[in-house]
């Protein structure tokens, strides 16, 4: 005997609106965190000498591409 079970549920009133509001706040924060991490990485790489950069297989021109 086959059985059919519905798994569709209605979201509580306002749940979708609250999710979108939280997403509206979280996305700019995540973008800022990503930008700040890239900035810190670039600053750390710029602090290295050319020889140290060569040891890890980079040159000064590569730093901007890595930070993006």
PDB file of N, CA and C in Angstrom:
ATOM      1  N   UNK A   1       0.832  -1.153   0.000  1.00  0.00           N
ATOM      2  CA  UNK A   1       0.000   0.000   0.000  1.00  0.00           C
ATOM      3  C   UNK A   1       0.896   1.241   0.000  1.00  0.00           C
ATOM      4  N   UNK A   2       0.642   2.152  -0.873  1.00  0.00           N
ATOM      5  CA  UNK A   2       1.412   3.384  -0.975  1.00  0.00           C
ATOM      6  C   UNK A   2       0.782   4.458  -0.105  1.00  0.00           C
ATOM      7  N   UNK A   3       1.621   5.248   0.471  1.00  0.00           N
ATOM      8  CA  UNK A   3       1.076   6.351   1.271  1.00  0.00           C
ATOM      9  C   UNK A   3       1.635   7.660   0.734  1.00  0.00           C
ATOM     10  N   UNK A   4       0.862   8.676   0.863  1.00  0.00           N
ATOM     11  CA  UNK A   4       1.253   9.998   0.379  1.00  0.00           C
ATOM     12  C   UNK A   4       1.225  10.946   1.564  1.00  0.00           C
ATOM     13  N   UNK A   5       2.339  11.583   1.782  1.00  0.00           N
ATOM     14  CA  UNK A   5       2.419  12.492   2.913  1.00  0.00           C
ATOM     15  C   UNK A   5       2.858  13.861   2.414  1.00  0.00           C
ATOM     16  N   UNK A   6       2.128  14.870   2.750  1.00  0.00           N
ATOM     17  CA  UNK A   6       2.512  16.223   2.340  1.00  0.00           C
ATOM     18  C   UNK A   6       3.469  16.797   3.369  1.00  0.00           C
ATOM     19  N   UNK A   7       4.501  17.395   2.890  1.00  0.00           N
ATOM     20  CA  UNK A   7       5.480  17.997   3.797  1.00  0.00           C
ATOM     21  C   UNK A   7       5.480  19.516   3.679  1.00  0.00           C
ATOM     22  N   UNK A   8       4.518  20.039   2.956  1.00  0.00           N
ATOM     23  CA  UNK A   8       4.451  21.486   2.814  1.00  0.00           C
ATOM     24  C   UNK A   8       3.797  22.091   4.048  1.00  0.00           C
ATOM     25  N   UNK A   9       4.456  23.056   4.588  1.00  0.00           N
ATOM     26  CA  UNK A   9       3.906  23.737   5.761  1.00  0.00           C
ATOM     27  C   UNK A   9       3.879  25.224   5.505  1.00  0.00           C
ATOM     28  N   UNK A  10       2.938  25.860   6.069  1.00  0.00           N
ATOM     29  CA  UNK A  10       2.824  27.304   5.946  1.00  0.00           C
ATOM     30  C   UNK A  10       3.702  27.941   7.011  1.00  0.00           C
ATOM     31  N   UNK A  11       4.472  28.941   6.608  1.00  0.00           N
ATOM     32  CA  UNK A  11       5.326  29.632   7.568  1.00  0.00           C
ATOM     33  C   UNK A  11       4.472  30.487   8.492  1.00  0.00           C
ATOM     34  N   UNK A  12       4.888  30.620   9.730  1.00  0.00           N
ATOM     35  CA  UNK A  12       4.136  31.466  10.661  1.00  0.00           C
ATOM     36  C   UNK A  12       4.070  32.902  10.151  1.00  0.00           C
ATOM     37  N   UNK A  13       3.044  33.573  10.543  1.00  0.00           N
ATOM     38  CA  UNK A  13       2.812  34.943  10.090  1.00  0.00           C
ATOM     39  C   UNK A  13       4.017  35.826  10.428  1.00  0.00           C
ATOM     40  N   UNK A  14       4.590  36.438   9.428  1.00  0.00           N
ATOM     41  CA  UNK A  14       5.713  37.348   9.619  1.00  0.00           C
ATOM     42  C   UNK A  14       7.083  36.695   9.569  1.00  0.00           C
ATOM     43  N   UNK A  15       7.158  35.384   9.440  1.00  0.00           N
ATOM     44  CA  UNK A  15       8.455  34.709   9.448  1.00  0.00           C
ATOM     45  C   UNK A  15       9.283  35.085   8.227  1.00  0.00           C
ATOM     46  N   UNK A  16       8.644  35.160   7.077  1.00  0.00           N
ATOM     47  CA  UNK A  16       9.362  35.503   5.854  1.00  0.00           C
ATOM     48  C   UNK A  16       9.848  36.945   5.924  1.00  0.00           C
ATOM     49  N   UNK A  17       9.018  37.822   6.444  1.00  0.00           N
ATOM     50  CA  UNK A  17       9.411  39.231   6.582  1.00  0.00           C
ATOM     51  C   UNK A  17      10.585  39.386   7.533  1.00  0.00           C
ATOM     52  N   UNK A  18      10.572  38.644   8.621  1.00  0.00           N
ATOM     53  CA  UNK A  18      11.682  38.705   9.576  1.00  0.00           C
ATOM     54  C   UNK A  18      12.959  38.141   8.965  1.00  0.00           C
ATOM     55  N   UNK A  19      12.826  37.078   8.179  1.00  0.00           N
ATOM     56  CA  UNK A  19      13.991  36.502   7.512  1.00  0.00           C
ATOM     57  C   UNK A  19      14.597  37.510   6.543  1.00  0.00           C
ATOM     58  N   UNK A  20      13.755  38.173   5.775  1.00  0.00           N
ATOM     59  CA  UNK A  20      14.266  39.168   4.816  1.00  0.00           C
ATOM     60  C   UNK A  20      14.883  40.357   5.524  1.00  0.00           C
ATOM     61  N   UNK A  21      14.325  40.771   6.647  1.00  0.00           N
ATOM     62  CA  UNK A  21      14.895  41.885   7.414  1.00  0.00           C
ATOM     63  C   UNK A  21      16.261  41.493   7.975  1.00  0.00           C
ATOM     64  N   UNK A  22      16.377  40.269   8.460  1.00  0.00           N
ATOM     65  CA  UNK A  22      17.662  39.804   8.985  1.00  0.00           C
ATOM     66  C   UNK A  22      18.688  39.707   7.865  1.00  0.00           C
ATOM     67  N   UNK A  23      18.240  39.255   6.706  1.00  0.00           N
ATOM     68  CA  UNK A  23      19.130  39.165   5.554  1.00  0.00           C
ATOM     69  C   UNK A  23      19.579  40.553   5.106  1.00  0.00           C
ATOM     70  N   UNK A  24      18.673  41.522   5.176  1.00  0.00           N
ATOM     71  CA  UNK A  24      18.971  42.904   4.793  1.00  0.00           C
ATOM     72  C   UNK A  24      20.089  43.473   5.661  1.00  0.00           C
ATOM     73  N   UNK A  25      20.124  43.083   6.918  1.00  0.00           N
ATOM     74  CA  UNK A  25      21.158  43.553   7.842  1.00  0.00           C
ATOM     75  C   UNK A  25      22.436  42.725   7.705  1.00  0.00           C
ATOM     76  N   UNK A  26      22.295  41.416   7.504  1.00  0.00           N
ATOM     77  CA  UNK A  26      23.449  40.520   7.495  1.00  0.00           C
ATOM     78  C   UNK A  26      24.312  40.665   6.251  1.00  0.00           C
ATOM     79  N   UNK A  27      23.706  40.941   5.106  1.00  0.00           N
ATOM     80  CA  UNK A  27      24.489  41.027   3.866  1.00  0.00           C
ATOM     81  C   UNK A  27      25.507  42.158   3.881  1.00  0.00           C
ATOM     82  N   UNK A  28      25.150  43.385   4.275  1.00  0.00           N
ATOM     83  CA  UNK A  28      26.180  44.436   4.345  1.00  0.00           C
ATOM     84  C   UNK A  28      27.263  44.128   5.381  1.00  0.00           C
ATOM     85  N   UNK A  29      26.894  43.495   6.469  1.00  0.00           N
ATOM     86  CA  UNK A  29      27.890  43.136   7.484  1.00  0.00           C
ATOM     87  C   UNK A  29      28.869  42.119   6.916  1.00  0.00           C
ATOM     88  N   UNK A  30      28.362  41.124   6.199  1.00  0.00           N
ATOM     89  CA  UNK A  30      29.231  40.111   5.583  1.00  0.00           C
ATOM     90  C   UNK A  30      30.141  40.753   4.537  1.00  0.00           C
ATOM     91  N   UNK A  31      29.614  41.715   3.774  1.00  0.00           N
ATOM     92  CA  UNK A  31      30.427  42.401   2.771  1.00  0.00           C
ATOM     93  C   UNK A  31      31.544  43.203   3.448  1.00  0.00           C
ATOM     94  N   UNK A  32      31.224  43.848   4.562  1.00  0.00           N
ATOM     95  CA  UNK A  32      32.239  44.616   5.282  1.00  0.00           C
ATOM     96  C   UNK A  32      33.320  43.697   5.847  1.00  0.00           C
ATOM     97  N   UNK A  33      32.922  42.558   6.392  1.00  0.00           N
ATOM     98  CA  UNK A  33      33.887  41.610   6.946  1.00  0.00           C
ATOM     99  C   UNK A  33      34.815  41.090   5.845  1.00  0.00           C
ATOM    100  N   UNK A  34      34.260  40.788   4.671  1.00  0.00           N
ATOM    101  CA  UNK A  34      35.082  40.310   3.551  1.00  0.00           C
ATOM    102  C   UNK A  34      36.050  41.396   3.103  1.00  0.00           C
ATOM    103  N   UNK A  35      35.580  42.645   3.018  1.00  0.00           N
ATOM    104  CA  UNK A  35      36.448  43.757   2.618  1.00  0.00           C
ATOM    105  C   UNK A  35      37.573  43.943   3.638  1.00  0.00           C
ATOM    106  N   UNK A  36      37.241  43.862   4.927  1.00  0.00           N
ATOM    107  CA  UNK A  36      38.241  44.061   5.967  1.00  0.00           C
ATOM    108  C   UNK A  36      39.278  42.940   5.956  1.00  0.00           C
ATOM    109  N   UNK A  37      38.845  41.706   5.720  1.00  0.00           N
ATOM    110  CA  UNK A  37      39.792  40.587   5.632  1.00  0.00           C
ATOM    111  C   UNK A  37      40.745  40.770   4.454  1.00  0.00           C
ATOM    112  N   UNK A  38      40.215  41.217   3.317  1.00  0.00           N
ATOM    113  CA  UNK A  38      41.065  41.465   2.150  1.00  0.00           C
ATOM    114  C   UNK A  38      42.055  42.594   2.435  1.00  0.00           C
ATOM    115  N   UNK A  39      41.606  43.628   3.125  1.00  0.00           N
ATOM    116  CA  UNK A  39      42.478  44.762   3.473  1.00  0.00           C
ATOM    117  C   UNK A  39      43.607  44.299   4.387  1.00  0.00           C
ATOM    118  N   UNK A  40      43.282  43.478   5.387  1.00  0.00           N
ATOM    119  CA  UNK A  40      44.308  42.971   6.307  1.00  0.00           C
ATOM    120  C   UNK A  40      45.311  42.082   5.570  1.00  0.00           C
ATOM    121  N   UNK A  41      44.816  41.274   4.643  1.00  0.00           N
ATOM    122  CA  UNK A  41      45.703  40.403   3.866  1.00  0.00           C
ATOM    123  C   UNK A  41      46.660  41.231   3.025  1.00  0.00           C
ATOM    124  N   UNK A  42      46.119  42.246   2.328  1.00  0.00           N
ATOM    125  CA  UNK A  42      46.978  43.118   1.512  1.00  0.00           C
ATOM    126  C   UNK A  42      48.034  43.807   2.372  1.00  0.00           C
ATOM    127  N   UNK A  43      47.620  44.333   3.526  1.00  0.00           N
ATOM    128  CA  UNK A  43      48.577  45.023   4.402  1.00  0.00           C
ATOM    129  C   UNK A  43      49.669  44.077   4.890  1.00  0.00           C
ATOM    130  N   UNK A  44      49.303  42.853   5.232  1.00  0.00           N
ATOM    131  CA  UNK A  44      50.303  41.883   5.692  1.00  0.00           C
ATOM    132  C   UNK A  44      51.263  41.529   4.565  1.00  0.00           C
ATOM    133  N   UNK A  45      50.751  41.369   3.358  1.00  0.00           N
ATOM    134  CA  UNK A  45      51.629  41.035   2.234  1.00  0.00           C
ATOM    135  C   UNK A  45      52.529  42.205   1.850  1.00  0.00           C
ATOM    136  N   UNK A  46      52.005  43.428   1.921  1.00  0.00           N
ATOM    137  CA  UNK A  46      52.844  44.592   1.619  1.00  0.00           C
ATOM    138  C   UNK A  46      53.966  44.752   2.652  1.00  0.00           C
ATOM    139  N   UNK A  47      53.769  44.258   3.857  1.00  0.00           N
ATOM    140  CA  UNK A  47      54.791  44.364   4.898  1.00  0.00           C
ATOM    141  C   UNK A  47      55.949  43.398   4.669  1.00  0.00           C
ATOM    142  N   UNK A  48      55.749  42.384   3.831  1.00  0.00           N
ATOM    143  CA  UNK A  48      56.808  41.415   3.553  1.00  0.00           C
ATOM    144  C   UNK A  48      57.837  42.010   2.595  1.00  0.00           C
ATOM    145  N   UNK A  49      59.060  41.528   2.698  1.00  0.00           N
ATOM    146  CA  UNK A  49      60.101  41.960   1.767  1.00  0.00           C
ATOM    147  C   UNK A  49      59.912  41.238   0.434  1.00  0.00           C
ATOM    148  N   UNK A  50      60.597  41.708  -0.579  1.00  0.00           N
ATOM    149  CA  UNK A  50      60.503  41.083  -1.903  1.00  0.00           C
ATOM    150  C   UNK A  50      61.009  39.641  -1.855  1.00  0.00           C
ATOM    151  N   UNK A  51      62.012  39.403  -1.065  1.00  0.00           N
ATOM    152  CA  UNK A  51      62.538  38.029  -0.935  1.00  0.00           C
ATOM    153  C   UNK A  51      61.518  37.112  -0.265  1.00  0.00           C
ATOM    154  N   UNK A  52      60.854  37.601   0.770  1.00  0.00           N
ATOM    155  CA  UNK A  52      59.830  36.795   1.441  1.00  0.00           C
ATOM    156  C   UNK A  52      58.656  36.511   0.508  1.00  0.00           C
ATOM    157  N   UNK A  53      58.284  37.506  -0.286  1.00  0.00           N
ATOM    158  CA  UNK A  53      57.217  37.285  -1.266  1.00  0.00           C
ATOM    159  C   UNK A  53      57.640  36.251  -2.293  1.00  0.00           C
ATOM    160  N   UNK A  54      58.902  36.315  -2.710  1.00  0.00           N
ATOM    161  CA  UNK A  54      59.410  35.341  -3.681  1.00  0.00           C
ATOM    162  C   UNK A  54      59.401  33.934  -3.090  1.00  0.00           C
ATOM    163  N   UNK A  55      59.645  33.817  -1.793  1.00  0.00           N
ATOM    164  CA  UNK A  55      59.610  32.513  -1.135  1.00  0.00           C
ATOM    165  C   UNK A  55      58.232  31.861  -1.203  1.00  0.00           C
ATOM    166  N   UNK A  56      57.192  32.673  -1.174  1.00  0.00           N
ATOM    167  CA  UNK A  56      55.838  32.111  -1.253  1.00  0.00           C
ATOM    168  C   UNK A  56      55.271  32.184  -2.675  1.00  0.00           C
ATOM    169  N   UNK A  57      56.115  32.554  -3.620  1.00  0.00           N
ATOM    170  CA  UNK A  57      55.728  32.510  -5.030  1.00  0.00           C
ATOM    171  C   UNK A  57      54.921  33.696  -5.498  1.00  0.00           C
ATOM    172  N   UNK A  58      55.133  34.852  -4.888  1.00  0.00           N
ATOM    173  CA  UNK A  58      54.388  36.054  -5.269  1.00  0.00           C
ATOM    174  C   UNK A  58      55.347  37.184  -5.607  1.00  0.00           C
ATOM    175  N   UNK A  59      54.832  38.159  -6.310  1.00  0.00           N
ATOM    176  CA  UNK A  59      55.558  39.406  -6.515  1.00  0.00           C
ATOM    177  C   UNK A  59      54.633  40.538  -6.070  1.00  0.00           C
ATOM    178  N   UNK A  60      55.148  41.730  -5.976  1.00  0.00           N
ATOM    179  CA  UNK A  60      54.357  42.863  -5.502  1.00  0.00           C
ATOM    180  C   UNK A  60      53.116  43.112  -6.360  1.00  0.00           C
ATOM    181  N   UNK A  61      53.204  42.847  -7.641  1.00  0.00           N
ATOM    182  CA  UNK A  61      52.068  43.074  -8.533  1.00  0.00           C
ATOM    183  C   UNK A  61      50.920  42.087  -8.251  1.00  0.00           C
ATOM    184  N   UNK A  62      51.223  40.957  -7.648  1.00  0.00           N
ATOM    185  CA  UNK A  62      50.197  39.961  -7.346  1.00  0.00           C
ATOM    186  C   UNK A  62      49.366  40.308  -6.114  1.00  0.00           C
ATOM    187  N   UNK A  63      49.847  41.195  -5.280  1.00  0.00           N
ATOM    188  CA  UNK A  63      49.187  41.478  -4.015  1.00  0.00           C
ATOM    189  C   UNK A  63      47.772  42.014  -4.223  1.00  0.00           C
ATOM    190  N   UNK A  64      47.588  42.927  -5.140  1.00  0.00           N
ATOM    191  CA  UNK A  64      46.252  43.485  -5.375  1.00  0.00           C
ATOM    192  C   UNK A  64      45.269  42.429  -5.856  1.00  0.00           C
ATOM    193  N   UNK A  65      45.727  41.495  -6.673  1.00  0.00           N
ATOM    194  CA  UNK A  65      44.830  40.451  -7.165  1.00  0.00           C
ATOM    195  C   UNK A  65      44.437  39.488  -6.043  1.00  0.00           C
ATOM    196  N   UNK A  66      45.337  39.222  -5.114  1.00  0.00           N
ATOM    197  CA  UNK A  66      45.042  38.309  -4.016  1.00  0.00           C
ATOM    198  C   UNK A  66      44.053  38.945  -3.057  1.00  0.00           C
ATOM    199  N   UNK A  67      44.167  40.233  -2.836  1.00  0.00           N
ATOM    200  CA  UNK A  67      43.282  40.926  -1.917  1.00  0.00           C
ATOM    201  C   UNK A  67      41.863  41.032  -2.399  1.00  0.00           C
ATOM    202  N   UNK A  68      41.620  40.756  -3.644  1.00  0.00           N
ATOM    203  CA  UNK A  68      40.252  40.887  -4.176  1.00  0.00           C
ATOM    204  C   UNK A  68      39.552  39.618  -3.992  1.00  0.00           C
TER     205      UNK A  68
END
